[in-house]
Amino acid sequence: LAFLSTTSVFGTPVDVTVAELALESFFPADDDTAAALRRLAR
């Protein structure tokens, strides 16, 4: 399986805890991986 990812943070933090959180989202890098992930979910 092949993956790429994005990293997202809160855009206007004024709290230390919020400023230090990050969301990592994995995406399939090809059609075969996307299909395999759908099958795993089912």
ModelCIF file with pLDDT and N, C-alpha, C, O atoms, coordinates in Angstrom:
data_MODEL
#
_entry.id   MODEL 
#
_entity.id                         1 
_entity.type                       polymer 
_entity.pdbx_number_of_molecules   1 
#
_entity_poly.entity_id                      1 
_entity_poly.type                           'polypeptide(L)' 
_entity_poly.nstd_linkage                   no 
_entity_poly.nstd_monomer                   no 
_entity_poly.pdbx_seq_one_letter_code       LAFLSTTSVFGTPVDVTVAELALESFFPADDDTAAALRRLAR 
_entity_poly.pdbx_seq_one_letter_code_can   LAFLSTTSVFGTPVDVTVAELALESFFPADDDTAAALRRLAR 
_entity_poly.pdbx_strand_id                 A 
#
loop_
_entity_poly_seq.entity_id 
_entity_poly_seq.num 
_entity_poly_seq.mon_id 
_entity_poly_seq.hetero 
1 1  LEU n 
1 2  ALA n 
1 3  PHE n 
1 4  LEU n 
1 5  SER n 
1 6  THR n 
1 7  THR n 
1 8  SER n 
1 9  VAL n 
1 10 PHE n 
1 11 GLY n 
1 12 THR n 
1 13 PRO n 
1 14 VAL n 
1 15 ASP n 
1 16 VAL n 
1 17 THR n 
1 18 VAL n 
1 19 ALA n 
1 20 GLU n 
1 21 LEU n 
1 22 ALA n 
1 23 LEU n 
1 24 GLU n 
1 25 SER n 
1 26 PHE n 
1 27 PHE n 
1 28 PRO n 
1 29 ALA n 
1 30 ASP n 
1 31 ASP n 
1 32 ASP n 
1 33 THR n 
1 34 ALA n 
1 35 ALA n 
1 36 ALA n 
1 37 LEU n 
1 38 ARG n 
1 39 ARG n 
1 40 LEU n 
1 41 ALA n 
1 42 ARG n 
#
_struct_asym.id          A 
_struct_asym.entity_id   1 
#
loop_
_ma_qa_metric.id 
_ma_qa_metric.mode 
_ma_qa_metric.name 
_ma_qa_metric.software_group_id 
_ma_qa_metric.type 
1 global pLDDT . pLDDT 
2 local  pLDDT . pLDDT 
#
_ma_qa_metric_global.metric_id      1 
_ma_qa_metric_global.metric_value   94.95 
_ma_qa_metric_global.model_id       1 
_ma_qa_metric_global.ordinal_id     1 
#
loop_
_ma_qa_metric_local.label_asym_id 
_ma_qa_metric_local.label_comp_id 
_ma_qa_metric_local.label_seq_id 
_ma_qa_metric_local.metric_id 
_ma_qa_metric_local.metric_value 
_ma_qa_metric_local.model_id 
_ma_qa_metric_local.ordinal_id 
A LEU 1  2 96.00 1 1  
A ALA 2  2 96.00 1 2  
A PHE 3  2 96.00 1 3  
A LEU 4  2 94.00 1 4  
A SER 5  2 88.00 1 5  
A THR 6  2 92.00 1 6  
A THR 7  2 94.00 1 7  
A SER 8  2 95.00 1 8  
A VAL 9  2 95.00 1 9  
A PHE 10 2 95.00 1 10 
A GLY 11 2 92.00 1 11 
A THR 12 2 92.00 1 12 
A PRO 13 2 96.00 1 13 
A VAL 14 2 97.00 1 14 
A ASP 15 2 98.00 1 15 
A VAL 16 2 97.00 1 16 
A THR 17 2 97.00 1 17 
A VAL 18 2 97.00 1 18 
A ALA 19 2 97.00 1 19 
A GLU 20 2 97.00 1 20 
A LEU 21 2 97.00 1 21 
A ALA 22 2 96.00 1 22 
A LEU 23 2 97.00 1 23 
A GLU 24 2 95.00 1 24 
A SER 25 2 96.00 1 25 
A PHE 26 2 96.00 1 26 
A PHE 27 2 97.00 1 27 
A PRO 28 2 97.00 1 28 
A ALA 29 2 95.00 1 29 
A ASP 30 2 95.00 1 30 
A ASP 31 2 96.00 1 31 
A ASP 32 2 95.00 1 32 
A THR 33 2 96.00 1 33 
A ALA 34 2 96.00 1 34 
A ALA 35 2 95.00 1 35 
A ALA 36 2 94.00 1 36 
A LEU 37 2 95.00 1 37 
A ARG 38 2 94.00 1 38 
A ARG 39 2 93.00 1 39 
A LEU 40 2 91.00 1 40 
A ALA 41 2 91.00 1 41 
A ARG 42 2 90.00 1 42 
#
loop_
_atom_site.group_PDB 
_atom_site.id 
_atom_site.type_symbol 
_atom_site.label_atom_id 
_atom_site.label_alt_id 
_atom_site.label_comp_id 
_atom_site.label_asym_id 
_atom_site.label_entity_id 
_atom_site.label_seq_id 
_atom_site.pdbx_PDB_ins_code 
_atom_site.Cartn_x 
_atom_site.Cartn_y 
_atom_site.Cartn_z 
_atom_site.occupancy 
_atom_site.B_iso_or_equiv 
_atom_site.pdbx_formal_charge 
_atom_site.auth_seq_id 
_atom_site.auth_comp_id 
_atom_site.auth_asym_id 
_atom_site.auth_atom_id 
_atom_site.pdbx_PDB_model_num 
ATOM 1   N N  . LEU A 1 1  ? 0.842   -1.185 0.000  1.00 96.00 ? 1  LEU A N  1 
ATOM 2   C CA . LEU A 1 1  ? 0.000   0.000  0.000  1.00 96.00 ? 1  LEU A CA 1 
ATOM 3   C C  . LEU A 1 1  ? 0.885   1.246  0.000  1.00 96.00 ? 1  LEU A C  1 
ATOM 4   O O  . LEU A 1 1  ? 1.917   1.279  0.670  1.00 96.00 ? 1  LEU A O  1 
ATOM 5   N N  . ALA A 1 2  ? 0.482   2.260  -0.746 1.00 96.00 ? 2  ALA A N  1 
ATOM 6   C CA . ALA A 1 2  ? 1.264   3.493  -0.851 1.00 96.00 ? 2  ALA A CA 1 
ATOM 7   C C  . ALA A 1 2  ? 0.441   4.663  -0.319 1.00 96.00 ? 2  ALA A C  1 
ATOM 8   O O  . ALA A 1 2  ? -0.731  4.815  -0.665 1.00 96.00 ? 2  ALA A O  1 
ATOM 9   N N  . PHE A 1 3  ? 1.063   5.488  0.527  1.00 96.00 ? 3  PHE A N  1 
ATOM 10  C CA . PHE A 1 3  ? 0.377   6.607  1.166  1.00 96.00 ? 3  PHE A CA 1 
ATOM 11  C C  . PHE A 1 3  ? 1.153   7.910  0.988  1.00 96.00 ? 3  PHE A C  1 
ATOM 12  O O  . PHE A 1 3  ? 2.380   7.919  0.883  1.00 96.00 ? 3  PHE A O  1 
ATOM 13  N N  . LEU A 1 4  ? 0.400   9.008  0.957  1.00 94.00 ? 4  LEU A N  1 
ATOM 14  C CA . LEU A 1 4  ? 0.945   10.342 1.167  1.00 94.00 ? 4  LEU A CA 1 
ATOM 15  C C  . LEU A 1 4  ? 0.117   10.949 2.292  1.00 94.00 ? 4  LEU A C  1 
ATOM 16  O O  . LEU A 1 4  ? -0.905  10.391 2.690  1.00 94.00 ? 4  LEU A O  1 
ATOM 17  N N  . SER A 1 5  ? 0.559   12.086 2.799  1.00 88.00 ? 5  SER A N  1 
ATOM 18  C CA . SER A 1 5  ? -0.170  12.654 3.934  1.00 88.00 ? 5  SER A CA 1 
ATOM 19  C C  . SER A 1 5  ? -0.141  14.165 3.941  1.00 88.00 ? 5  SER A C  1 
ATOM 20  O O  . SER A 1 5  ? 0.687   14.795 3.284  1.00 88.00 ? 5  SER A O  1 
ATOM 21  N N  . THR A 1 6  ? -1.067  14.734 4.703  1.00 92.00 ? 6  THR A N  1 
ATOM 22  C CA . THR A 1 6  ? -1.061  16.170 4.966  1.00 92.00 ? 6  THR A CA 1 
ATOM 23  C C  . THR A 1 6  ? -0.972  16.392 6.466  1.00 92.00 ? 6  THR A C  1 
ATOM 24  O O  . THR A 1 6  ? -1.438  15.566 7.251  1.00 92.00 ? 6  THR A O  1 
ATOM 25  N N  . THR A 1 7  ? -0.382  17.490 6.858  1.00 94.00 ? 7  THR A N  1 
ATOM 26  C CA . THR A 1 7  ? -0.299  17.893 8.249  1.00 94.00 ? 7  THR A CA 1 
ATOM 27  C C  . THR A 1 7  ? -1.088  19.185 8.423  1.00 94.00 ? 7  THR A C  1 
ATOM 28  O O  . THR A 1 7  ? -0.822  20.172 7.737  1.00 94.00 ? 7  THR A O  1 
ATOM 29  N N  . SER A 1 8  ? -2.045  19.186 9.326  1.00 95.00 ? 8  SER A N  1 
ATOM 30  C CA . SER A 1 8  ? -2.884  20.366 9.555  1.00 95.00 ? 8  SER A CA 1 
ATOM 31  C C  . SER A 1 8  ? -2.758  20.824 11.002 1.00 95.00 ? 8  SER A C  1 
ATOM 32  O O  . SER A 1 8  ? -2.670  20.007 11.918 1.00 95.00 ? 8  SER A O  1 
ATOM 33  N N  . VAL A 1 9  ? -2.752  22.134 11.196 1.00 95.00 ? 9  VAL A N  1 
ATOM 34  C CA . VAL A 1 9  ? -2.704  22.712 12.537 1.00 95.00 ? 9  VAL A CA 1 
ATOM 35  C C  . VAL A 1 9  ? -3.806  23.757 12.650 1.00 95.00 ? 9  VAL A C  1 
ATOM 36  O O  . VAL A 1 9  ? -4.345  24.217 11.643 1.00 95.00 ? 9  VAL A O  1 
ATOM 37  N N  . PHE A 1 10 ? -4.133  24.124 13.879 1.00 95.00 ? 10 PHE A N  1 
ATOM 38  C CA . PHE A 1 10 ? -5.109  25.183 14.096 1.00 95.00 ? 10 PHE A CA 1 
ATOM 39  C C  . PHE A 1 10 ? -4.471  26.520 13.740 1.00 95.00 ? 10 PHE A C  1 
ATOM 40  O O  . PHE A 1 10 ? -3.344  26.811 14.142 1.00 95.00 ? 10 PHE A O  1 
ATOM 41  N N  . GLY A 1 11 ? -5.199  27.320 12.987 1.00 92.00 ? 11 GLY A N  1 
ATOM 42  C CA . GLY A 1 11 ? -4.603  28.493 12.358 1.00 92.00 ? 11 GLY A CA 1 
ATOM 43  C C  . GLY A 1 11 ? -4.377  29.694 13.241 1.00 92.00 ? 11 GLY A C  1 
ATOM 44  O O  . GLY A 1 11 ? -3.508  30.510 12.932 1.00 92.00 ? 11 GLY A O  1 
ATOM 45  N N  . THR A 1 12 ? -5.124  29.849 14.342 1.00 92.00 ? 12 THR A N  1 
ATOM 46  C CA . THR A 1 12 ? -4.998  31.062 15.162 1.00 92.00 ? 12 THR A CA 1 
ATOM 47  C C  . THR A 1 12 ? -4.901  30.721 16.644 1.00 92.00 ? 12 THR A C  1 
ATOM 48  O O  . THR A 1 12 ? -5.685  31.248 17.435 1.00 92.00 ? 12 THR A O  1 
ATOM 49  N N  . PRO A 1 13 ? -3.973  29.864 17.049 1.00 96.00 ? 13 PRO A N  1 
ATOM 50  C CA . PRO A 1 13 ? -3.933  29.445 18.452 1.00 96.00 ? 13 PRO A CA 1 
ATOM 51  C C  . PRO A 1 13 ? -3.368  30.527 19.369 1.00 96.00 ? 13 PRO A C  1 
ATOM 52  O O  . PRO A 1 13 ? -2.410  31.216 19.019 1.00 96.00 ? 13 PRO A O  1 
ATOM 53  N N  . VAL A 1 14 ? -3.973  30.666 20.544 1.00 97.00 ? 14 VAL A N  1 
ATOM 54  C CA . VAL A 1 14 ? -3.423  31.516 21.599 1.00 97.00 ? 14 VAL A CA 1 
ATOM 55  C C  . VAL A 1 14 ? -3.329  30.717 22.899 1.00 97.00 ? 14 VAL A C  1 
ATOM 56  O O  . VAL A 1 14 ? -3.181  31.288 23.979 1.00 97.00 ? 14 VAL A O  1 
ATOM 57  N N  . ASP A 1 15 ? -3.414  29.406 22.785 1.00 98.00 ? 15 ASP A N  1 
ATOM 58  C CA . ASP A 1 15 ? -3.257  28.485 23.903 1.00 98.00 ? 15 ASP A CA 1 
ATOM 59  C C  . ASP A 1 15 ? -2.135  27.518 23.542 1.00 98.00 ? 15 ASP A C  1 
ATOM 60  O O  . ASP A 1 15 ? -2.068  27.035 22.412 1.00 98.00 ? 15 ASP A O  1 
ATOM 61  N N  . VAL A 1 16 ? -1.254  27.235 24.500 1.00 97.00 ? 16 VAL A N  1 
ATOM 62  C CA . VAL A 1 16 ? -0.091  26.392 24.227 1.00 97.00 ? 16 VAL A CA 1 
ATOM 63  C C  . VAL A 1 16 ? -0.507  25.008 23.742 1.00 97.00 ? 16 VAL A C  1 
ATOM 64  O O  . VAL A 1 16 ? 0.054   24.492 22.775 1.00 97.00 ? 16 VAL A O  1 
ATOM 65  N N  . THR A 1 17 ? -1.480  24.412 24.406 1.00 97.00 ? 17 THR A N  1 
ATOM 66  C CA . THR A 1 17 ? -1.916  23.065 24.035 1.00 97.00 ? 17 THR A CA 1 
ATOM 67  C C  . THR A 1 17 ? -2.444  23.026 22.612 1.00 97.00 ? 17 THR A C  1 
ATOM 68  O O  . THR A 1 17 ? -2.103  22.125 21.845 1.00 97.00 ? 17 THR A O  1 
ATOM 69  N N  . VAL A 1 18 ? -3.263  23.986 22.260 1.00 97.00 ? 18 VAL A N  1 
ATOM 70  C CA . VAL A 1 18 ? -3.843  24.025 20.910 1.00 97.00 ? 18 VAL A CA 1 
ATOM 71  C C  . VAL A 1 18 ? -2.756  24.254 19.866 1.00 97.00 ? 18 VAL A C  1 
ATOM 72  O O  . VAL A 1 18 ? -2.774  23.646 18.796 1.00 97.00 ? 18 VAL A O  1 
ATOM 73  N N  . ALA A 1 19 ? -1.810  25.137 20.183 1.00 97.00 ? 19 ALA A N  1 
ATOM 74  C CA . ALA A 1 19 ? -0.740  25.437 19.233 1.00 97.00 ? 19 ALA A CA 1 
ATOM 75  C C  . ALA A 1 19 ? 0.123   24.226 18.934 1.00 97.00 ? 19 ALA A C  1 
ATOM 76  O O  . ALA A 1 19 ? 0.748   24.153 17.876 1.00 97.00 ? 19 ALA A O  1 
ATOM 77  N N  . GLU A 1 20 ? 0.163   23.263 19.869 1.00 97.00 ? 20 GLU A N  1 
ATOM 78  C CA . GLU A 1 20 ? 1.047   22.116 19.717 1.00 97.00 ? 20 GLU A CA 1 
ATOM 79  C C  . GLU A 1 20 ? 0.351   20.876 19.177 1.00 97.00 ? 20 GLU A C  1 
ATOM 80  O O  . GLU A 1 20 ? 0.969   19.815 19.090 1.00 97.00 ? 20 GLU A O  1 
ATOM 81  N N  . LEU A 1 21 ? -0.920  20.986 18.813 1.00 97.00 ? 21 LEU A N  1 
ATOM 82  C CA . LEU A 1 21 ? -1.644  19.864 18.219 1.00 97.00 ? 21 LEU A CA 1 
ATOM 83  C C  . LEU A 1 21 ? -1.484  19.875 16.703 1.00 97.00 ? 21 LEU A C  1 
ATOM 84  O O  . LEU A 1 21 ? -1.422  20.940 16.088 1.00 97.00 ? 21 LEU A O  1 
ATOM 85  N N  . ALA A 1 22 ? -1.417  18.701 16.110 1.00 96.00 ? 22 ALA A N  1 
ATOM 86  C CA . ALA A 1 22 ? -1.346  18.586 14.654 1.00 96.00 ? 22 ALA A CA 1 
ATOM 87  C C  . ALA A 1 22 ? -2.119  17.352 14.209 1.00 96.00 ? 22 ALA A C  1 
ATOM 88  O O  . ALA A 1 22 ? -2.063  16.303 14.851 1.00 96.00 ? 22 ALA A O  1 
ATOM 89  N N  . LEU A 1 23 ? -2.835  17.489 13.111 1.00 97.00 ? 23 LEU A N  1 
ATOM 90  C CA . LEU A 1 23 ? -3.622  16.392 12.549 1.00 97.00 ? 23 LEU A CA 1 
ATOM 91  C C  . LEU A 1 23 ? -2.901  15.835 11.331 1.00 97.00 ? 23 LEU A C  1 
ATOM 92  O O  . LEU A 1 23 ? -2.661  16.552 10.360 1.00 97.00 ? 23 LEU A O  1 
ATOM 93  N N  . GLU A 1 24 ? -2.557  14.554 11.386 1.00 95.00 ? 24 GLU A N  1 
ATOM 94  C CA . GLU A 1 24 ? -1.907  13.863 10.275 1.00 95.00 ? 24 GLU A CA 1 
ATOM 95  C C  . GLU A 1 24 ? -2.958  13.030 9.549  1.00 95.00 ? 24 GLU A C  1 
ATOM 96  O O  . GLU A 1 24 ? -3.570  12.145 10.147 1.00 95.00 ? 24 GLU A O  1 
ATOM 97  N N  . SER A 1 25 ? -3.168  13.304 8.285  1.00 96.00 ? 25 SER A N  1 
ATOM 98  C CA . SER A 1 25 ? -4.186  12.610 7.501  1.00 96.00 ? 25 SER A CA 1 
ATOM 99  C C  . SER A 1 25 ? -3.508  11.842 6.369  1.00 96.00 ? 25 SER A C  1 
ATOM 100 O O  . SER A 1 25 ? -2.812  12.430 5.541  1.00 96.00 ? 25 SER A O  1 
ATOM 101 N N  . PHE A 1 26 ? -3.713  10.542 6.340  1.00 96.00 ? 26 PHE A N  1 
ATOM 102 C CA . PHE A 1 26 ? -3.121  9.681  5.321  1.00 96.00 ? 26 PHE A CA 1 
ATOM 103 C C  . PHE A 1 26 ? -4.077  9.530  4.137  1.00 96.00 ? 26 PHE A C  1 
ATOM 104 O O  . PHE A 1 26 ? -5.279  9.340  4.321  1.00 96.00 ? 26 PHE A O  1 
ATOM 105 N N  . PHE A 1 27 ? -3.540  9.616  2.940  1.00 97.00 ? 27 PHE A N  1 
ATOM 106 C CA . PHE A 1 27 ? -4.321  9.445  1.715  1.00 97.00 ? 27 PHE A CA 1 
ATOM 107 C C  . PHE A 1 27 ? -3.686  8.357  0.863  1.00 97.00 ? 27 PHE A C  1 
ATOM 108 O O  . PHE A 1 27 ? -2.466  8.194  0.875  1.00 97.00 ? 27 PHE A O  1 
ATOM 109 N N  . PRO A 1 28 ? -4.501  7.610  0.122  1.00 97.00 ? 28 PRO A N  1 
ATOM 110 C CA . PRO A 1 28 ? -3.910  6.633  -0.805 1.00 97.00 ? 28 PRO A CA 1 
ATOM 111 C C  . PRO A 1 28 ? -3.151  7.351  -1.911 1.00 97.00 ? 28 PRO A C  1 
ATOM 112 O O  . PRO A 1 28 ? -3.610  8.363  -2.441 1.00 97.00 ? 28 PRO A O  1 
ATOM 113 N N  . ALA A 1 29 ? -1.990  6.817  -2.250 1.00 95.00 ? 29 ALA A N  1 
ATOM 114 C CA . ALA A 1 29 ? -1.165  7.423  -3.296 1.00 95.00 ? 29 ALA A CA 1 
ATOM 115 C C  . ALA A 1 29 ? -1.429  6.812  -4.664 1.00 95.00 ? 29 ALA A C  1 
ATOM 116 O O  . ALA A 1 29 ? -0.871  7.256  -5.667 1.00 95.00 ? 29 ALA A O  1 
ATOM 117 N N  . ASP A 1 30 ? -2.285  5.787  -4.704 1.00 95.00 ? 30 ASP A N  1 
ATOM 118 C CA . ASP A 1 30 ? -2.636  5.202  -6.001 1.00 95.00 ? 30 ASP A CA 1 
ATOM 119 C C  . ASP A 1 30 ? -4.006  4.540  -5.891 1.00 95.00 ? 30 ASP A C  1 
ATOM 120 O O  . ASP A 1 30 ? -4.539  4.377  -4.794 1.00 95.00 ? 30 ASP A O  1 
ATOM 121 N N  . ASP A 1 31 ? -4.565  4.163  -7.024 1.00 96.00 ? 31 ASP A N  1 
ATOM 122 C CA . ASP A 1 31 ? -5.922  3.596  -7.064 1.00 96.00 ? 31 ASP A CA 1 
ATOM 123 C C  . ASP A 1 31 ? -5.990  2.243  -6.368 1.00 96.00 ? 31 ASP A C  1 
ATOM 124 O O  . ASP A 1 31 ? -6.993  1.931  -5.726 1.00 96.00 ? 31 ASP A O  1 
ATOM 125 N N  . ASP A 1 32 ? -4.940  1.434  -6.484 1.00 95.00 ? 32 ASP A N  1 
ATOM 126 C CA . ASP A 1 32 ? -4.957  0.125  -5.843 1.00 95.00 ? 32 ASP A CA 1 
ATOM 127 C C  . ASP A 1 32 ? -5.039  0.252  -4.326 1.00 95.00 ? 32 ASP A C  1 
ATOM 128 O O  . ASP A 1 32 ? -5.761  -0.499 -3.670 1.00 95.00 ? 32 ASP A O  1 
ATOM 129 N N  . THR A 1 33 ? -4.292  1.210  -3.775 1.00 96.00 ? 33 THR A N  1 
ATOM 130 C CA . THR A 1 33 ? -4.344  1.427  -2.325 1.00 96.00 ? 33 THR A CA 1 
ATOM 131 C C  . THR A 1 33 ? -5.719  1.910  -1.896 1.00 96.00 ? 33 THR A C  1 
ATOM 132 O O  . THR A 1 33 ? -6.240  1.458  -0.877 1.00 96.00 ? 33 THR A O  1 
ATOM 133 N N  . ALA A 1 34 ? -6.315  2.819  -2.656 1.00 96.00 ? 34 ALA A N  1 
ATOM 134 C CA . ALA A 1 34 ? -7.655  3.312  -2.326 1.00 96.00 ? 34 ALA A CA 1 
ATOM 135 C C  . ALA A 1 34 ? -8.663  2.172  -2.310 1.00 96.00 ? 34 ALA A C  1 
ATOM 136 O O  . ALA A 1 34 ? -9.495  2.081  -1.408 1.00 96.00 ? 34 ALA A O  1 
ATOM 137 N N  . ALA A 1 35 ? -8.582  1.297  -3.322 1.00 95.00 ? 35 ALA A N  1 
ATOM 138 C CA . ALA A 1 35 ? -9.506  0.176  -3.387 1.00 95.00 ? 35 ALA A CA 1 
ATOM 139 C C  . ALA A 1 35 ? -9.290  -0.788 -2.222 1.00 95.00 ? 35 ALA A C  1 
ATOM 140 O O  . ALA A 1 35 ? -10.255 -1.287 -1.643 1.00 95.00 ? 35 ALA A O  1 
ATOM 141 N N  . ALA A 1 36 ? -8.026  -1.052 -1.878 1.00 94.00 ? 36 ALA A N  1 
ATOM 142 C CA . ALA A 1 36 ? -7.726  -1.957 -0.774 1.00 94.00 ? 36 ALA A CA 1 
ATOM 143 C C  . ALA A 1 36 ? -8.246  -1.404 0.552  1.00 94.00 ? 36 ALA A C  1 
ATOM 144 O O  . ALA A 1 36 ? -8.763  -2.161 1.374  1.00 94.00 ? 36 ALA A O  1 
ATOM 145 N N  . LEU A 1 37 ? -8.116  -0.100 0.768  1.00 95.00 ? 37 LEU A N  1 
ATOM 146 C CA . LEU A 1 37 ? -8.604  0.502  2.009  1.00 95.00 ? 37 LEU A CA 1 
ATOM 147 C C  . LEU A 1 37 ? -10.117 0.436  2.103  1.00 95.00 ? 37 LEU A C  1 
ATOM 148 O O  . LEU A 1 37 ? -10.668 0.233  3.185  1.00 95.00 ? 37 LEU A O  1 
ATOM 149 N N  . ARG A 1 38 ? -10.791 0.607  0.971  1.00 94.00 ? 38 ARG A N  1 
ATOM 150 C CA . ARG A 1 38 ? -12.249 0.475  0.985  1.00 94.00 ? 38 ARG A CA 1 
ATOM 151 C C  . ARG A 1 38 ? -12.656 -0.958 1.320  1.00 94.00 ? 38 ARG A C  1 
ATOM 152 O O  . ARG A 1 38 ? -13.612 -1.179 2.063  1.00 94.00 ? 38 ARG A O  1 
ATOM 153 N N  . ARG A 1 39 ? -11.936 -1.917 0.775  1.00 93.00 ? 39 ARG A N  1 
ATOM 154 C CA . ARG A 1 39 ? -12.242 -3.315 1.069  1.00 93.00 ? 39 ARG A CA 1 
ATOM 155 C C  . ARG A 1 39 ? -11.985 -3.639 2.533  1.00 93.00 ? 39 ARG A C  1 
ATOM 156 O O  . ARG A 1 39 ? -12.776 -4.347 3.158  1.00 93.00 ? 39 ARG A O  1 
ATOM 157 N N  . LEU A 1 40 ? -10.885 -3.128 3.091  1.00 91.00 ? 40 LEU A N  1 
ATOM 158 C CA . LEU A 1 40 ? -10.601 -3.344 4.499  1.00 91.00 ? 40 LEU A CA 1 
ATOM 159 C C  . LEU A 1 40 ? -11.703 -2.768 5.382  1.00 91.00 ? 40 LEU A C  1 
ATOM 160 O O  . LEU A 1 40 ? -12.097 -3.379 6.375  1.00 91.00 ? 40 LEU A O  1 
ATOM 161 N N  . ALA A 1 41 ? -12.192 -1.596 5.016  1.00 91.00 ? 41 ALA A N  1 
ATOM 162 C CA . ALA A 1 41 ? -13.267 -0.972 5.790  1.00 91.00 ? 41 ALA A CA 1 
ATOM 163 C C  . ALA A 1 41 ? -14.530 -1.817 5.731  1.00 91.00 ? 41 ALA A C  1 
ATOM 164 O O  . ALA A 1 41 ? -15.196 -1.998 6.750  1.00 91.00 ? 41 ALA A O  1 
ATOM 165 N N  . ARG A 1 42 ? -14.872 -2.338 4.552  1.00 90.00 ? 42 ARG A N  1 
ATOM 166 C CA . ARG A 1 42 ? -16.078 -3.175 4.423  1.00 90.00 ? 42 ARG A CA 1 
ATOM 167 C C  . ARG A 1 42 ? -15.921 -4.470 5.211  1.00 90.00 ? 42 ARG A C  1 
ATOM 168 O O  . ARG A 1 42 ? -16.831 -5.299 5.222  1.00 90.00 ? 42 ARG A O  1 
#
